[in-house]
Amino acid sequence: MQRQGYDVNNDRSTNTNCSIGKGIVVFTGCSHAGVVNVSKYAKELGGGVPLFAVVGGFHLVGGEDVPLTQTVEDLIKLDPQLLLPGHCTGWRAKFEIAKRVPERLAPSTVGTTFTF
């Protein structure tokens, strides 16, 4: 994966196509390659299967306001039905998601169980 013109080799994510027919669920680590890049790649691998949820770290904590809002906007354009930001997302990004698509934001903390 690439971000800002350089390779990011230490990024990890898992993409799952839910067997219940809802679409792709992306589980990120810390999204060092960018949560939008990771999600776009998952959609590309999915071959037309919709993006259902993005779960995990979005790596936006401490981010600059402009890249943060642009990242949230670009993520929303991918049309996931659920956004479950985790540990390194930061409260500013969570607040931005809540402002724009509150119906798609779900809490994601250690020990949370998800049923899709």
N, C-alpha and C. Protein backbone atom coordinates (compact mmCIF):
# COMPACT_ATOMS: atom_id res chain seq x y z
N MET A 1 0.84 -1.17 0.00
CA MET A 1 0.00 0.00 0.00
C MET A 1 0.88 1.23 0.00
N GLN A 2 0.35 2.32 -0.52
CA GLN A 2 1.09 3.57 -0.52
C GLN A 2 0.27 4.67 0.14
N ARG A 3 0.98 5.56 0.79
CA ARG A 3 0.36 6.74 1.39
C ARG A 3 1.31 7.89 1.20
N GLN A 4 0.84 8.96 0.64
CA GLN A 4 1.62 10.16 0.39
C GLN A 4 2.91 9.85 -0.36
N GLY A 5 2.83 8.92 -1.32
CA GLY A 5 3.94 8.65 -2.20
C GLY A 5 4.99 7.68 -1.69
N TYR A 6 4.80 7.10 -0.53
CA TYR A 6 5.77 6.11 -0.05
C TYR A 6 5.06 4.84 0.37
N ASP A 7 5.81 3.74 0.28
CA ASP A 7 5.24 2.44 0.64
C ASP A 7 5.06 2.33 2.15
N VAL A 8 3.96 1.70 2.55
CA VAL A 8 3.71 1.41 3.95
C VAL A 8 3.64 -0.10 4.07
N ASN A 9 4.71 -0.69 4.56
CA ASN A 9 4.82 -2.14 4.59
C ASN A 9 4.34 -2.77 5.88
N ASN A 10 4.10 -1.97 6.91
CA ASN A 10 3.75 -2.56 8.20
C ASN A 10 2.26 -2.46 8.50
N ASP A 11 1.44 -2.23 7.49
CA ASP A 11 0.01 -2.10 7.74
C ASP A 11 -0.66 -3.47 7.66
N ARG A 12 -1.61 -3.69 8.52
CA ARG A 12 -2.33 -4.96 8.55
C ARG A 12 -3.83 -4.69 8.59
N SER A 13 -4.56 -5.47 7.82
CA SER A 13 -6.01 -5.41 7.87
C SER A 13 -6.54 -6.75 7.40
N THR A 14 -7.78 -7.02 7.77
CA THR A 14 -8.45 -8.22 7.32
C THR A 14 -9.75 -7.80 6.68
N ASN A 15 -10.04 -8.34 5.52
CA ASN A 15 -11.27 -8.03 4.81
C ASN A 15 -12.13 -9.28 4.78
N THR A 16 -13.37 -9.16 5.16
CA THR A 16 -14.25 -10.31 5.22
C THR A 16 -15.54 -9.99 4.48
N ASN A 17 -15.96 -10.88 3.60
CA ASN A 17 -17.26 -10.74 2.95
C ASN A 17 -18.24 -11.53 3.80
N CYS A 18 -19.12 -10.83 4.49
CA CYS A 18 -20.06 -11.49 5.41
C CYS A 18 -20.90 -12.52 4.68
N SER A 19 -20.97 -13.70 5.24
CA SER A 19 -21.74 -14.76 4.61
C SER A 19 -23.25 -14.51 4.68
N ILE A 20 -23.65 -13.48 5.43
CA ILE A 20 -25.08 -13.17 5.54
C ILE A 20 -25.52 -12.22 4.44
N GLY A 21 -24.62 -11.90 3.51
CA GLY A 21 -24.98 -11.13 2.34
C GLY A 21 -25.02 -9.63 2.53
N LYS A 22 -24.40 -9.10 3.56
CA LYS A 22 -24.43 -7.66 3.79
C LYS A 22 -23.28 -6.93 3.12
N GLY A 23 -22.20 -7.62 2.82
CA GLY A 23 -21.07 -6.99 2.15
C GLY A 23 -19.77 -7.20 2.88
N ILE A 24 -18.79 -6.39 2.50
CA ILE A 24 -17.44 -6.50 3.03
C ILE A 24 -17.35 -5.81 4.39
N VAL A 25 -16.70 -6.47 5.33
CA VAL A 25 -16.36 -5.88 6.62
C VAL A 25 -14.85 -5.80 6.68
N VAL A 26 -14.31 -4.60 6.85
CA VAL A 26 -12.88 -4.39 6.93
C VAL A 26 -12.51 -4.24 8.40
N PHE A 27 -11.60 -5.07 8.87
CA PHE A 27 -11.05 -4.96 10.22
C PHE A 27 -9.64 -4.41 10.09
N THR A 28 -9.42 -3.20 10.60
CA THR A 28 -8.10 -2.58 10.46
C THR A 28 -7.29 -2.75 11.73
N GLY A 29 -5.98 -2.62 11.57
CA GLY A 29 -5.11 -2.53 12.73
C GLY A 29 -5.06 -1.06 13.12
N CYS A 30 -4.11 -0.35 12.54
CA CYS A 30 -3.97 1.08 12.82
C CYS A 30 -4.07 1.92 11.55
N SER A 31 -4.31 1.30 10.43
CA SER A 31 -4.50 2.00 9.15
C SER A 31 -3.36 2.96 8.81
N HIS A 32 -2.13 2.53 8.98
CA HIS A 32 -1.01 3.40 8.64
C HIS A 32 -1.01 3.76 7.15
N ALA A 33 -1.54 2.90 6.32
CA ALA A 33 -1.64 3.19 4.89
C ALA A 33 -2.83 4.09 4.58
N GLY A 34 -3.63 4.39 5.59
CA GLY A 34 -4.81 5.22 5.42
C GLY A 34 -6.06 4.38 5.37
N VAL A 35 -7.02 4.70 6.22
CA VAL A 35 -8.25 3.92 6.30
C VAL A 35 -9.02 3.95 4.98
N VAL A 36 -8.93 5.05 4.26
CA VAL A 36 -9.60 5.13 2.96
C VAL A 36 -8.90 4.21 1.96
N ASN A 37 -7.56 4.23 1.95
CA ASN A 37 -6.82 3.35 1.05
C ASN A 37 -7.12 1.89 1.33
N VAL A 38 -7.11 1.52 2.60
CA VAL A 38 -7.38 0.14 3.00
C VAL A 38 -8.79 -0.27 2.56
N SER A 39 -9.76 0.62 2.77
CA SER A 39 -11.15 0.32 2.43
C SER A 39 -11.35 0.24 0.92
N LYS A 40 -10.70 1.13 0.17
CA LYS A 40 -10.78 1.09 -1.29
C LYS A 40 -10.19 -0.22 -1.82
N TYR A 41 -9.08 -0.63 -1.25
CA TYR A 41 -8.44 -1.87 -1.67
C TYR A 41 -9.34 -3.07 -1.39
N ALA A 42 -9.99 -3.06 -0.24
CA ALA A 42 -10.93 -4.14 0.10
C ALA A 42 -12.07 -4.20 -0.92
N LYS A 43 -12.59 -3.02 -1.29
CA LYS A 43 -13.65 -2.99 -2.30
C LYS A 43 -13.15 -3.52 -3.64
N GLU A 44 -11.93 -3.16 -3.98
CA GLU A 44 -11.34 -3.64 -5.24
C GLU A 44 -11.23 -5.16 -5.22
N LEU A 45 -10.75 -5.71 -4.12
CA LEU A 45 -10.65 -7.16 -3.99
C LEU A 45 -12.02 -7.83 -4.00
N GLY A 46 -13.04 -7.11 -3.52
CA GLY A 46 -14.39 -7.65 -3.43
C GLY A 46 -15.12 -7.74 -4.75
N GLY A 47 -14.59 -7.12 -5.77
CA GLY A 47 -15.17 -7.25 -7.10
C GLY A 47 -16.63 -6.84 -7.20
N GLY A 48 -16.96 -5.69 -6.64
CA GLY A 48 -18.34 -5.20 -6.75
C GLY A 48 -19.20 -5.45 -5.53
N VAL A 49 -18.69 -6.20 -4.56
CA VAL A 49 -19.43 -6.41 -3.32
C VAL A 49 -19.38 -5.10 -2.53
N PRO A 50 -20.52 -4.64 -1.99
CA PRO A 50 -20.51 -3.36 -1.27
C PRO A 50 -19.74 -3.43 0.04
N LEU A 51 -19.26 -2.27 0.46
CA LEU A 51 -18.58 -2.15 1.74
C LEU A 51 -19.64 -1.99 2.82
N PHE A 52 -19.71 -2.93 3.74
CA PHE A 52 -20.71 -2.89 4.79
C PHE A 52 -20.22 -2.17 6.04
N ALA A 53 -19.01 -2.49 6.50
CA ALA A 53 -18.52 -1.88 7.74
C ALA A 53 -17.01 -1.75 7.72
N VAL A 54 -16.52 -0.73 8.44
CA VAL A 54 -15.10 -0.54 8.68
C VAL A 54 -14.92 -0.49 10.18
N VAL A 55 -14.11 -1.43 10.71
CA VAL A 55 -13.95 -1.61 12.14
C VAL A 55 -12.47 -1.50 12.50
N GLY A 56 -12.14 -0.68 13.50
CA GLY A 56 -10.78 -0.65 14.01
C GLY A 56 -10.18 0.73 14.03
N GLY A 57 -8.86 0.77 14.10
CA GLY A 57 -8.16 2.04 14.16
C GLY A 57 -8.13 2.73 12.82
N PHE A 58 -8.46 4.02 12.83
CA PHE A 58 -8.45 4.81 11.59
C PHE A 58 -7.20 5.69 11.51
N HIS A 59 -6.34 5.68 12.51
CA HIS A 59 -5.07 6.41 12.58
C HIS A 59 -5.25 7.91 12.31
N LEU A 60 -6.21 8.50 12.96
CA LEU A 60 -6.48 9.93 12.77
C LEU A 60 -6.29 10.75 14.04
N VAL A 61 -5.87 10.12 15.12
CA VAL A 61 -5.66 10.84 16.36
C VAL A 61 -4.53 11.85 16.16
N GLY A 62 -4.78 13.08 16.61
CA GLY A 62 -3.77 14.12 16.49
C GLY A 62 -3.59 14.65 15.09
N GLY A 63 -4.48 14.25 14.18
CA GLY A 63 -4.36 14.68 12.78
C GLY A 63 -4.71 16.14 12.60
N GLU A 64 -4.20 16.70 11.53
CA GLU A 64 -4.54 18.07 11.16
C GLU A 64 -6.01 18.12 10.76
N ASP A 65 -6.64 19.26 10.97
CA ASP A 65 -8.07 19.39 10.69
C ASP A 65 -8.43 19.11 9.24
N VAL A 66 -7.68 19.66 8.29
CA VAL A 66 -8.03 19.48 6.89
C VAL A 66 -7.90 18.02 6.46
N PRO A 67 -6.75 17.34 6.68
CA PRO A 67 -6.69 15.93 6.30
C PRO A 67 -7.72 15.08 7.04
N LEU A 68 -8.00 15.41 8.29
CA LEU A 68 -8.97 14.65 9.06
C LEU A 68 -10.36 14.75 8.43
N THR A 69 -10.81 15.97 8.15
CA THR A 69 -12.15 16.12 7.56
C THR A 69 -12.21 15.54 6.16
N GLN A 70 -11.12 15.67 5.40
CA GLN A 70 -11.09 15.09 4.05
C GLN A 70 -11.13 13.57 4.12
N THR A 71 -10.41 12.99 5.07
CA THR A 71 -10.41 11.54 5.23
C THR A 71 -11.80 11.04 5.59
N VAL A 72 -12.47 11.71 6.51
CA VAL A 72 -13.83 11.32 6.89
C VAL A 72 -14.76 11.45 5.70
N GLU A 73 -14.64 12.53 4.96
CA GLU A 73 -15.47 12.73 3.77
C GLU A 73 -15.24 11.62 2.74
N ASP A 74 -13.97 11.30 2.49
CA ASP A 74 -13.65 10.24 1.52
C ASP A 74 -14.13 8.88 1.99
N LEU A 75 -14.05 8.64 3.28
CA LEU A 75 -14.53 7.36 3.83
C LEU A 75 -16.04 7.24 3.66
N ILE A 76 -16.76 8.31 3.92
CA ILE A 76 -18.22 8.31 3.76
C ILE A 76 -18.61 8.08 2.30
N LYS A 77 -17.82 8.62 1.38
CA LYS A 77 -18.09 8.43 -0.06
C LYS A 77 -18.03 6.95 -0.47
N LEU A 78 -17.30 6.14 0.29
CA LEU A 78 -17.24 4.71 0.00
C LEU A 78 -18.52 3.99 0.41
N ASP A 79 -19.39 4.69 1.10
CA ASP A 79 -20.74 4.26 1.46
C ASP A 79 -20.82 3.04 2.39
N PRO A 80 -19.97 2.97 3.42
CA PRO A 80 -20.14 1.88 4.38
C PRO A 80 -21.40 2.12 5.21
N GLN A 81 -22.08 1.06 5.57
CA GLN A 81 -23.29 1.19 6.39
C GLN A 81 -22.97 1.40 7.86
N LEU A 82 -21.79 0.92 8.28
CA LEU A 82 -21.36 1.08 9.67
C LEU A 82 -19.91 1.51 9.73
N LEU A 83 -19.63 2.44 10.62
CA LEU A 83 -18.27 2.87 10.92
C LEU A 83 -18.06 2.64 12.41
N LEU A 84 -17.08 1.82 12.74
CA LEU A 84 -16.80 1.48 14.13
C LEU A 84 -15.34 1.83 14.44
N PRO A 85 -15.06 3.13 14.60
CA PRO A 85 -13.68 3.56 14.81
C PRO A 85 -13.16 3.15 16.18
N GLY A 86 -11.89 2.72 16.19
CA GLY A 86 -11.30 2.22 17.43
C GLY A 86 -10.17 3.07 17.96
N HIS A 87 -9.23 2.41 18.56
CA HIS A 87 -8.20 2.96 19.43
C HIS A 87 -7.46 4.19 18.92
N CYS A 88 -6.99 4.23 17.71
CA CYS A 88 -6.16 5.36 17.27
C CYS A 88 -6.91 6.30 16.34
N THR A 89 -8.21 6.27 16.40
CA THR A 89 -9.01 7.15 15.55
C THR A 89 -9.04 8.56 16.11
N GLY A 90 -9.20 8.68 17.41
CA GLY A 90 -9.24 9.99 18.05
C GLY A 90 -10.65 10.54 18.12
N TRP A 91 -10.86 11.36 19.14
CA TRP A 91 -12.21 11.88 19.37
C TRP A 91 -12.62 12.88 18.31
N ARG A 92 -11.68 13.62 17.74
CA ARG A 92 -12.05 14.60 16.70
C ARG A 92 -12.64 13.91 15.47
N ALA A 93 -12.01 12.82 15.06
CA ALA A 93 -12.52 12.07 13.91
C ALA A 93 -13.87 11.44 14.22
N LYS A 94 -14.00 10.88 15.42
CA LYS A 94 -15.29 10.30 15.81
C LYS A 94 -16.38 11.36 15.83
N PHE A 95 -16.04 12.55 16.32
CA PHE A 95 -16.99 13.66 16.34
C PHE A 95 -17.38 14.06 14.92
N GLU A 96 -16.41 14.11 14.02
CA GLU A 96 -16.67 14.47 12.62
C GLU A 96 -17.60 13.44 11.96
N ILE A 97 -17.37 12.16 12.23
CA ILE A 97 -18.25 11.11 11.70
C ILE A 97 -19.65 11.28 12.28
N ALA A 98 -19.73 11.53 13.59
CA ALA A 98 -21.03 11.70 14.25
C ALA A 98 -21.79 12.90 13.69
N LYS A 99 -21.09 13.97 13.34
CA LYS A 99 -21.74 15.15 12.74
C LYS A 99 -22.32 14.83 11.38
N ARG A 100 -21.58 14.06 10.59
CA ARG A 100 -21.96 13.83 9.19
C ARG A 100 -22.91 12.65 8.99
N VAL A 101 -22.65 11.55 9.66
CA VAL A 101 -23.48 10.34 9.49
C VAL A 101 -23.69 9.65 10.83
N PRO A 102 -24.42 10.29 11.74
CA PRO A 102 -24.58 9.71 13.08
C PRO A 102 -25.23 8.32 13.07
N GLU A 103 -26.06 8.05 12.09
CA GLU A 103 -26.75 6.76 12.01
C GLU A 103 -25.80 5.62 11.62
N ARG A 104 -24.62 5.95 11.16
CA ARG A 104 -23.66 4.92 10.75
C ARG A 104 -22.55 4.70 11.76
N LEU A 105 -22.47 5.54 12.77
CA LEU A 105 -21.42 5.45 13.78
C LEU A 105 -21.86 4.54 14.91
N ALA A 106 -21.00 3.58 15.25
CA ALA A 106 -21.29 2.68 16.37
C ALA A 106 -20.07 2.65 17.29
N PRO A 107 -20.29 2.53 18.59
CA PRO A 107 -19.15 2.48 19.52
C PRO A 107 -18.32 1.23 19.31
N SER A 108 -17.03 1.38 19.49
CA SER A 108 -16.11 0.25 19.32
C SER A 108 -15.03 0.37 20.38
N THR A 109 -15.13 -0.44 21.41
CA THR A 109 -14.14 -0.43 22.48
C THR A 109 -13.69 -1.86 22.78
N VAL A 110 -12.65 -1.96 23.56
CA VAL A 110 -12.14 -3.28 23.93
C VAL A 110 -13.24 -4.10 24.58
N GLY A 111 -13.40 -5.32 24.13
CA GLY A 111 -14.39 -6.23 24.70
C GLY A 111 -15.76 -6.16 24.06
N THR A 112 -15.94 -5.25 23.10
CA THR A 112 -17.23 -5.14 22.43
C THR A 112 -17.44 -6.34 21.51
N THR A 113 -18.65 -6.88 21.51
CA THR A 113 -19.01 -7.98 20.62
C THR A 113 -19.87 -7.42 19.50
N PHE A 114 -19.55 -7.78 18.27
CA PHE A 114 -20.31 -7.32 17.12
C PHE A 114 -21.05 -8.47 16.48
N THR A 115 -22.30 -8.25 16.16
CA THR A 115 -23.08 -9.24 15.44
C THR A 115 -23.63 -8.53 14.20
N PHE A 116 -23.24 -9.01 13.04
CA PHE A 116 -23.68 -8.38 11.79
C PHE A 116 -24.78 -9.21 11.16
